[in-house]
């Protein structure tokens, strides 16, 4: 059974992981017979947003604690997921759901644009998984995170068709490809799979189409790389 790390960034689209995208990712993995290994960095969110009013609040929340809500408490601190976990097949791939947390808590793209910085533990793990030849999936705005980690590499990826975000990805040295909501884009060289989800989706059913395909392709790349656990 393949084990796929699902990297969360909080709980809620405005300041953390997009909950629909996260749950759909977990559902697609379960339906495909894969095990999801939820993980998140341990630290404060950039800020907290009241999802009813859309306004920022003065409170503080922890990314790992909030992500545990989605994971039903079964989650790992990202710093404890080591290179040996990747080598010993405790992590066969990574998938990053979207939500502003991916651009606020996993990196600073929402604030700093192309000059953003990536959370060091996130960057470390992505590079270790890539170095091991294992696939990575990025949903919605999460490709911006990949764009910074692989800056200048010319990775082919999609966030849908938002011109401003596409230009930003290209300024970081990547090759943006326009896609519809139900499509995925596969960079076979880097084994990075992306889909627009709520960058374009008008409802959860539309988001599901691309996410299910992305999960399926990530698992297909695991099989091709002969990294599936017995």
C-alpha atoms as a PDB file:
ATOM      1  CA  UNK A   1       0.000   0.000   0.000  1.00  0.00           C
ATOM      2  CA  UNK A   2       1.501   3.363  -1.004  1.00  0.00           C
ATOM      3  CA  UNK A   3       1.859   5.944   1.749  1.00  0.00           C
ATOM      4  CA  UNK A   4       1.270   9.521   0.640  1.00  0.00           C
ATOM      5  CA  UNK A   5       2.138  12.544   2.747  1.00  0.00           C
ATOM      6  CA  UNK A   6      -0.655  15.125   2.711  1.00  0.00           C
ATOM      7  CA  UNK A   7       0.875  18.432   3.787  1.00  0.00           C
ATOM      8  CA  UNK A   8      -1.664  20.688   5.490  1.00  0.00           C
ATOM      9  CA  UNK A   9      -1.373  24.371   6.374  1.00  0.00           C
ATOM     10  CA  UNK A  10      -4.147  24.963   8.884  1.00  0.00           C
ATOM     11  CA  UNK A  11      -7.924  24.620   8.682  1.00  0.00           C
ATOM     12  CA  UNK A  12      -9.916  26.980   6.471  1.00  0.00           C
ATOM     13  CA  UNK A  13      -9.436  28.480   3.032  1.00  0.00           C
ATOM     14  CA  UNK A  14      -8.701  32.048   4.142  1.00  0.00           C
ATOM     15  CA  UNK A  15      -5.836  31.292   6.530  1.00  0.00           C
ATOM     16  CA  UNK A  16      -5.088  27.572   6.211  1.00  0.00           C
ATOM     17  CA  UNK A  17      -5.787  24.523   4.086  1.00  0.00           C
ATOM     18  CA  UNK A  18      -8.865  24.583   1.852  1.00  0.00           C
ATOM     19  CA  UNK A  19     -11.002  22.044   3.686  1.00  0.00           C
ATOM     20  CA  UNK A  20     -12.872  20.708   0.649  1.00  0.00           C
ATOM     21  CA  UNK A  21      -9.617  20.177  -1.256  1.00  0.00           C
ATOM     22  CA  UNK A  22      -8.011  18.506   1.750  1.00  0.00           C
ATOM     23  CA  UNK A  23     -10.917  16.134   2.379  1.00  0.00           C
ATOM     24  CA  UNK A  24     -11.279  15.319  -1.323  1.00  0.00           C
ATOM     25  CA  UNK A  25      -7.573  14.460  -1.425  1.00  0.00           C
ATOM     26  CA  UNK A  26      -7.983  12.141   1.572  1.00  0.00           C
ATOM     27  CA  UNK A  27     -11.091  10.594  -0.007  1.00  0.00           C
ATOM     28  CA  UNK A  28      -9.390  10.000  -3.356  1.00  0.00           C
ATOM     29  CA  UNK A  29      -6.407   8.358  -1.632  1.00  0.00           C
ATOM     30  CA  UNK A  30      -8.666   6.120   0.443  1.00  0.00           C
ATOM     31  CA  UNK A  31     -10.780   5.090  -2.553  1.00  0.00           C
ATOM     32  CA  UNK A  32      -7.594   4.224  -4.457  1.00  0.00           C
ATOM     33  CA  UNK A  33      -6.288   2.014  -1.638  1.00  0.00           C
ATOM     34  CA  UNK A  34      -3.503   4.351  -0.505  1.00  0.00           C
ATOM     35  CA  UNK A  35      -2.694   5.469   3.029  1.00  0.00           C
ATOM     36  CA  UNK A  36      -2.661   9.204   3.740  1.00  0.00           C
ATOM     37  CA  UNK A  37      -0.031  10.434   6.168  1.00  0.00           C
ATOM     38  CA  UNK A  38      -1.121  13.904   7.256  1.00  0.00           C
ATOM     39  CA  UNK A  39       1.593  16.331   8.314  1.00  0.00           C
ATOM     40  CA  UNK A  40       2.032  20.045   8.946  1.00  0.00           C
ATOM     41  CA  UNK A  41       4.639  22.449  10.311  1.00  0.00           C
ATOM     42  CA  UNK A  42       4.444  23.337  14.001  1.00  0.00           C
ATOM     43  CA  UNK A  43       4.232  27.128  14.336  1.00  0.00           C
ATOM     44  CA  UNK A  44       1.906  30.111  14.311  1.00  0.00           C
ATOM     45  CA  UNK A  45      -0.226  30.915  11.289  1.00  0.00           C
ATOM     46  CA  UNK A  46       0.489  34.195   9.535  1.00  0.00           C
ATOM     47  CA  UNK A  47      -2.832  35.412  10.912  1.00  0.00           C
ATOM     48  CA  UNK A  48      -6.336  34.205  11.724  1.00  0.00           C
ATOM     49  CA  UNK A  49      -9.347  35.121   9.595  1.00  0.00           C
ATOM     50  CA  UNK A  50     -12.973  34.911  10.711  1.00  0.00           C
ATOM     51  CA  UNK A  51     -14.466  32.833   7.905  1.00  0.00           C
ATOM     52  CA  UNK A  52     -17.943  34.243   8.523  1.00  0.00           C
ATOM     53  CA  UNK A  53     -17.006  37.923   8.238  1.00  0.00           C
ATOM     54  CA  UNK A  54     -13.820  37.558   6.175  1.00  0.00           C
ATOM     55  CA  UNK A  55     -12.038  39.850   8.627  1.00  0.00           C
ATOM     56  CA  UNK A  56      -8.744  39.259  10.404  1.00  0.00           C
ATOM     57  CA  UNK A  57      -8.952  38.645  14.156  1.00  0.00           C
ATOM     58  CA  UNK A  58      -6.311  39.372  16.834  1.00  0.00           C
ATOM     59  CA  UNK A  59      -6.003  35.770  18.034  1.00  0.00           C
ATOM     60  CA  UNK A  60      -3.170  33.349  17.253  1.00  0.00           C
ATOM     61  CA  UNK A  61      -3.506  29.794  16.043  1.00  0.00           C
ATOM     62  CA  UNK A  62      -0.977  27.016  15.479  1.00  0.00           C
ATOM     63  CA  UNK A  63      -0.698  25.472  12.004  1.00  0.00           C
ATOM     64  CA  UNK A  64      -0.197  21.921  13.295  1.00  0.00           C
ATOM     65  CA  UNK A  65      -3.012  22.156  15.856  1.00  0.00           C
ATOM     66  CA  UNK A  66      -5.459  23.557  13.309  1.00  0.00           C
ATOM     67  CA  UNK A  67      -4.445  20.998  10.673  1.00  0.00           C
ATOM     68  CA  UNK A  68      -5.144  18.246  13.200  1.00  0.00           C
ATOM     69  CA  UNK A  69      -8.837  19.158  12.926  1.00  0.00           C
ATOM     70  CA  UNK A  70      -8.862  17.954   9.304  1.00  0.00           C
ATOM     71  CA  UNK A  71      -6.702  14.921  10.116  1.00  0.00           C
ATOM     72  CA  UNK A  72      -8.947  13.913  13.043  1.00  0.00           C
ATOM     73  CA  UNK A  73      -5.922  14.233  15.305  1.00  0.00           C
ATOM     74  CA  UNK A  74      -3.758  11.765  13.369  1.00  0.00           C
ATOM     75  CA  UNK A  75      -1.008  14.036  12.119  1.00  0.00           C
ATOM     76  CA  UNK A  76       2.777  14.363  12.220  1.00  0.00           C
ATOM     77  CA  UNK A  77       4.912  17.388  12.934  1.00  0.00           C
ATOM     78  CA  UNK A  78       6.709  18.064   9.657  1.00  0.00           C
ATOM     79  CA  UNK A  79      10.088  18.375  11.363  1.00  0.00           C
ATOM     80  CA  UNK A  80       9.752  14.758  12.511  1.00  0.00           C
ATOM     81  CA  UNK A  81       9.327  13.467   8.962  1.00  0.00           C
ATOM     82  CA  UNK A  82      12.944  12.788   8.093  1.00  0.00           C
ATOM     83  CA  UNK A  83      14.869  11.755   5.006  1.00  0.00           C
ATOM     84  CA  UNK A  84      14.974   8.179   6.327  1.00  0.00           C
ATOM     85  CA  UNK A  85      11.151   8.117   6.191  1.00  0.00           C
ATOM     86  CA  UNK A  86      11.401   8.880   2.486  1.00  0.00           C
ATOM     87  CA  UNK A  87      14.156   6.319   1.888  1.00  0.00           C
ATOM     88  CA  UNK A  88      12.400   3.622   3.926  1.00  0.00           C
ATOM     89  CA  UNK A  89       9.136   4.165   2.015  1.00  0.00           C
ATOM     90  CA  UNK A  90       7.191   5.677   4.904  1.00  0.00           C
ATOM     91  CA  UNK A  91       6.568   8.512   2.437  1.00  0.00           C
ATOM     92  CA  UNK A  92       6.087   7.470  -1.194  1.00  0.00           C
ATOM     93  CA  UNK A  93       4.848  10.871  -2.418  1.00  0.00           C
ATOM     94  CA  UNK A  94       3.599  14.253  -1.232  1.00  0.00           C
ATOM     95  CA  UNK A  95       0.370  16.096  -2.011  1.00  0.00           C
ATOM     96  CA  UNK A  96      -0.279  19.727  -1.072  1.00  0.00           C
ATOM     97  CA  UNK A  97      -3.926  20.845  -0.922  1.00  0.00           C
ATOM     98  CA  UNK A  98      -4.501  24.526  -1.614  1.00  0.00           C
ATOM     99  CA  UNK A  99      -6.049  27.268   0.466  1.00  0.00           C
ATOM    100  CA  UNK A 100      -4.340  30.527   1.394  1.00  0.00           C
ATOM    101  CA  UNK A 101      -2.425  28.695   4.108  1.00  0.00           C
ATOM    102  CA  UNK A 102      -0.237  27.184   1.404  1.00  0.00           C
ATOM    103  CA  UNK A 103       0.716  30.739   0.405  1.00  0.00           C
ATOM    104  CA  UNK A 104       0.749  32.197   3.927  1.00  0.00           C
ATOM    105  CA  UNK A 105       1.988  29.465   6.271  1.00  0.00           C
ATOM    106  CA  UNK A 106       3.981  27.087   4.051  1.00  0.00           C
ATOM    107  CA  UNK A 107       5.514  30.009   2.178  1.00  0.00           C
ATOM    108  CA  UNK A 108       5.000  33.781   2.023  1.00  0.00           C
ATOM    109  CA  UNK A 109       3.765  34.044  -1.570  1.00  0.00           C
ATOM    110  CA  UNK A 110       0.518  35.739  -0.494  1.00  0.00           C
ATOM    111  CA  UNK A 111       2.514  38.564   1.074  1.00  0.00           C
ATOM    112  CA  UNK A 112       5.798  38.691  -0.844  1.00  0.00           C
ATOM    113  CA  UNK A 113       4.895  37.352  -4.286  1.00  0.00           C
ATOM    114  CA  UNK A 114       7.876  36.138  -6.285  1.00  0.00           C
ATOM    115  CA  UNK A 115      10.235  37.244  -3.496  1.00  0.00           C
ATOM    116  CA  UNK A 116       8.584  34.826  -1.090  1.00  0.00           C
ATOM    117  CA  UNK A 117      10.345  32.521   1.321  1.00  0.00           C
ATOM    118  CA  UNK A 118       9.449  28.879   1.910  1.00  0.00           C
ATOM    119  CA  UNK A 119       9.089  27.354   5.354  1.00  0.00           C
ATOM    120  CA  UNK A 120      12.449  25.585   5.831  1.00  0.00           C
ATOM    121  CA  UNK A 121      10.948  22.234   6.860  1.00  0.00           C
ATOM    122  CA  UNK A 122       8.615  22.276   3.858  1.00  0.00           C
ATOM    123  CA  UNK A 123      11.472  23.059   1.480  1.00  0.00           C
ATOM    124  CA  UNK A 124      13.642  20.356   3.041  1.00  0.00           C
ATOM    125  CA  UNK A 125      11.044  17.612   2.742  1.00  0.00           C
ATOM    126  CA  UNK A 126      10.040  18.532  -0.814  1.00  0.00           C
ATOM    127  CA  UNK A 127      13.683  18.439  -1.891  1.00  0.00           C
ATOM    128  CA  UNK A 128      14.239  15.081  -0.172  1.00  0.00           C
ATOM    129  CA  UNK A 129      11.176  13.552  -1.815  1.00  0.00           C
ATOM    130  CA  UNK A 130      12.218  14.936  -5.214  1.00  0.00           C
ATOM    131  CA  UNK A 131      15.797  13.705  -4.780  1.00  0.00           C
ATOM    132  CA  UNK A 132      14.427  10.230  -4.108  1.00  0.00           C
ATOM    133  CA  UNK A 133      12.601  10.340  -7.454  1.00  0.00           C
ATOM    134  CA  UNK A 134       9.166  10.377  -5.847  1.00  0.00           C
ATOM    135  CA  UNK A 135       6.157  12.351  -7.123  1.00  0.00           C
ATOM    136  CA  UNK A 136       4.595  15.511  -5.730  1.00  0.00           C
ATOM    137  CA  UNK A 137       1.065  16.809  -6.255  1.00  0.00           C
ATOM    138  CA  UNK A 138       0.097  20.469  -5.804  1.00  0.00           C
ATOM    139  CA  UNK A 139      -3.497  21.683  -5.815  1.00  0.00           C
ATOM    140  CA  UNK A 140      -5.011  25.147  -6.376  1.00  0.00           C
ATOM    141  CA  UNK A 141      -2.489  27.820  -5.259  1.00  0.00           C
ATOM    142  CA  UNK A 142       0.035  25.262  -3.936  1.00  0.00           C
ATOM    143  CA  UNK A 143       1.950  25.233  -7.262  1.00  0.00           C
ATOM    144  CA  UNK A 144       3.266  28.689  -6.244  1.00  0.00           C
ATOM    145  CA  UNK A 145       5.044  26.931  -3.408  1.00  0.00           C
ATOM    146  CA  UNK A 146       6.584  24.458  -5.858  1.00  0.00           C
ATOM    147  CA  UNK A 147       7.553  27.320  -8.148  1.00  0.00           C
ATOM    148  CA  UNK A 148       9.679  28.873  -5.423  1.00  0.00           C
ATOM    149  CA  UNK A 149      11.263  25.629  -4.230  1.00  0.00           C
ATOM    150  CA  UNK A 150      12.256  24.727  -7.805  1.00  0.00           C
ATOM    151  CA  UNK A 151      12.966  28.311  -8.834  1.00  0.00           C
ATOM    152  CA  UNK A 152      14.492  28.587 -12.293  1.00  0.00           C
ATOM    153  CA  UNK A 153      13.979  24.906 -13.141  1.00  0.00           C
ATOM    154  CA  UNK A 154      11.338  25.362 -15.848  1.00  0.00           C
ATOM    155  CA  UNK A 155       8.836  23.005 -14.224  1.00  0.00           C
ATOM    156  CA  UNK A 156       5.574  22.734 -16.165  1.00  0.00           C
ATOM    157  CA  UNK A 157       2.601  23.409 -13.878  1.00  0.00           C
ATOM    158  CA  UNK A 158      -0.873  24.912 -13.760  1.00  0.00           C
ATOM    159  CA  UNK A 159      -2.982  27.052 -11.463  1.00  0.00           C
ATOM    160  CA  UNK A 160      -5.752  27.195 -14.087  1.00  0.00           C
ATOM    161  CA  UNK A 161      -5.850  30.398 -16.112  1.00  0.00           C
ATOM    162  CA  UNK A 162      -5.396  33.265 -13.638  1.00  0.00           C
ATOM    163  CA  UNK A 163      -3.081  35.594 -15.557  1.00  0.00           C
ATOM    164  CA  UNK A 164      -1.533  37.350 -12.565  1.00  0.00           C
ATOM    165  CA  UNK A 165      -0.602  34.149 -10.765  1.00  0.00           C
ATOM    166  CA  UNK A 166       0.597  32.531 -13.987  1.00  0.00           C
ATOM    167  CA  UNK A 167       2.923  35.465 -14.646  1.00  0.00           C
ATOM    168  CA  UNK A 168       4.293  35.169 -11.103  1.00  0.00           C
ATOM    169  CA  UNK A 169       5.062  31.476 -11.615  1.00  0.00           C
ATOM    170  CA  UNK A 170       6.824  32.269 -14.857  1.00  0.00           C
ATOM    171  CA  UNK A 171       8.865  35.012 -13.169  1.00  0.00           C
ATOM    172  CA  UNK A 172      10.079  32.312 -10.782  1.00  0.00           C
ATOM    173  CA  UNK A 173      11.333  30.402 -13.797  1.00  0.00           C
ATOM    174  CA  UNK A 174       8.539  27.914 -14.367  1.00  0.00           C
ATOM    175  CA  UNK A 175       6.369  27.125 -17.422  1.00  0.00           C
ATOM    176  CA  UNK A 176       2.717  27.771 -16.711  1.00  0.00           C
ATOM    177  CA  UNK A 177       0.122  25.794 -18.674  1.00  0.00           C
ATOM    178  CA  UNK A 178      -3.510  26.894 -18.845  1.00  0.00           C
ATOM    179  CA  UNK A 179      -5.923  24.171 -17.759  1.00  0.00           C
ATOM    180  CA  UNK A 180      -9.641  23.834 -17.129  1.00  0.00           C
ATOM    181  CA  UNK A 181     -11.024  22.891 -13.728  1.00  0.00           C
ATOM    182  CA  UNK A 182     -11.233  19.169 -14.512  1.00  0.00           C
ATOM    183  CA  UNK A 183      -7.730  18.863 -15.967  1.00  0.00           C
ATOM    184  CA  UNK A 184      -4.333  18.089 -14.504  1.00  0.00           C
ATOM    185  CA  UNK A 185      -0.877  18.920 -15.782  1.00  0.00           C
ATOM    186  CA  UNK A 186       1.928  16.399 -15.449  1.00  0.00           C
ATOM    187  CA  UNK A 187       5.595  17.335 -15.559  1.00  0.00           C
ATOM    188  CA  UNK A 188       7.103  13.911 -16.229  1.00  0.00           C
ATOM    189  CA  UNK A 189      10.697  15.062 -15.713  1.00  0.00           C
ATOM    190  CA  UNK A 190      10.140  16.483 -12.225  1.00  0.00           C
ATOM    191  CA  UNK A 191       7.208  14.171 -11.367  1.00  0.00           C
ATOM    192  CA  UNK A 192       5.094  17.136 -10.311  1.00  0.00           C
ATOM    193  CA  UNK A 193       1.327  16.989 -10.912  1.00  0.00           C
ATOM    194  CA  UNK A 194      -0.897  20.063 -10.578  1.00  0.00           C
ATOM    195  CA  UNK A 195      -4.593  20.903 -10.899  1.00  0.00           C
ATOM    196  CA  UNK A 196      -6.568  24.168 -10.491  1.00  0.00           C
ATOM    197  CA  UNK A 197      -9.344  22.966  -8.120  1.00  0.00           C
ATOM    198  CA  UNK A 198     -10.820  26.062  -6.414  1.00  0.00           C
ATOM    199  CA  UNK A 199      -8.723  28.418  -8.500  1.00  0.00           C
ATOM    200  CA  UNK A 200     -11.512  27.674 -11.004  1.00  0.00           C
ATOM    201  CA  UNK A 201     -14.060  25.376  -9.348  1.00  0.00           C
ATOM    202  CA  UNK A 202     -17.528  26.753  -8.723  1.00  0.00           C
ATOM    203  CA  UNK A 203     -18.534  23.859  -6.477  1.00  0.00           C
ATOM    204  CA  UNK A 204     -17.141  20.830  -4.694  1.00  0.00           C
ATOM    205  CA  UNK A 205     -18.083  18.447  -7.516  1.00  0.00           C
ATOM    206  CA  UNK A 206     -15.939  20.400  -9.970  1.00  0.00           C
ATOM    207  CA  UNK A 207     -13.033  20.441  -7.510  1.00  0.00           C
ATOM    208  CA  UNK A 208     -13.349  16.663  -7.126  1.00  0.00           C
ATOM    209  CA  UNK A 209     -12.804  15.954 -10.818  1.00  0.00           C
ATOM    210  CA  UNK A 210      -9.299  17.392 -10.981  1.00  0.00           C
ATOM    211  CA  UNK A 211      -8.278  16.237  -7.509  1.00  0.00           C
ATOM    212  CA  UNK A 212      -9.283  12.639  -8.209  1.00  0.00           C
ATOM    213  CA  UNK A 213      -7.235  12.717 -11.422  1.00  0.00           C
ATOM    214  CA  UNK A 214      -4.249  14.266  -9.639  1.00  0.00           C
ATOM    215  CA  UNK A 215      -4.287  11.623  -6.913  1.00  0.00           C
ATOM    216  CA  UNK A 216      -4.610   8.895  -9.532  1.00  0.00           C
ATOM    217  CA  UNK A 217      -1.616  10.201 -11.465  1.00  0.00           C
ATOM    218  CA  UNK A 218       0.516  10.590  -8.317  1.00  0.00           C
ATOM    219  CA  UNK A 219      -0.211   6.947  -7.480  1.00  0.00           C
ATOM    220  CA  UNK A 220       0.545   5.958 -11.071  1.00  0.00           C
ATOM    221  CA  UNK A 221       3.927   7.692 -10.815  1.00  0.00           C
ATOM    222  CA  UNK A 222       4.626   5.810  -7.582  1.00  0.00           C
ATOM    223  CA  UNK A 223       3.949   2.534  -9.356  1.00  0.00           C
ATOM    224  CA  UNK A 224       6.170   3.519 -12.257  1.00  0.00           C
ATOM    225  CA  UNK A 225       8.940   4.346  -9.801  1.00  0.00           C
ATOM    226  CA  UNK A 226       8.507   0.987  -8.112  1.00  0.00           C
ATOM    227  CA  UNK A 227       8.122   2.592  -4.706  1.00  0.00           C
ATOM    228  CA  UNK A 228       4.921   0.833  -3.670  1.00  0.00           C
ATOM    229  CA  UNK A 229       5.066  -0.971  -0.330  1.00  0.00           C
ATOM    230  CA  UNK A 230       4.442  -4.701  -0.348  1.00  0.00           C
END
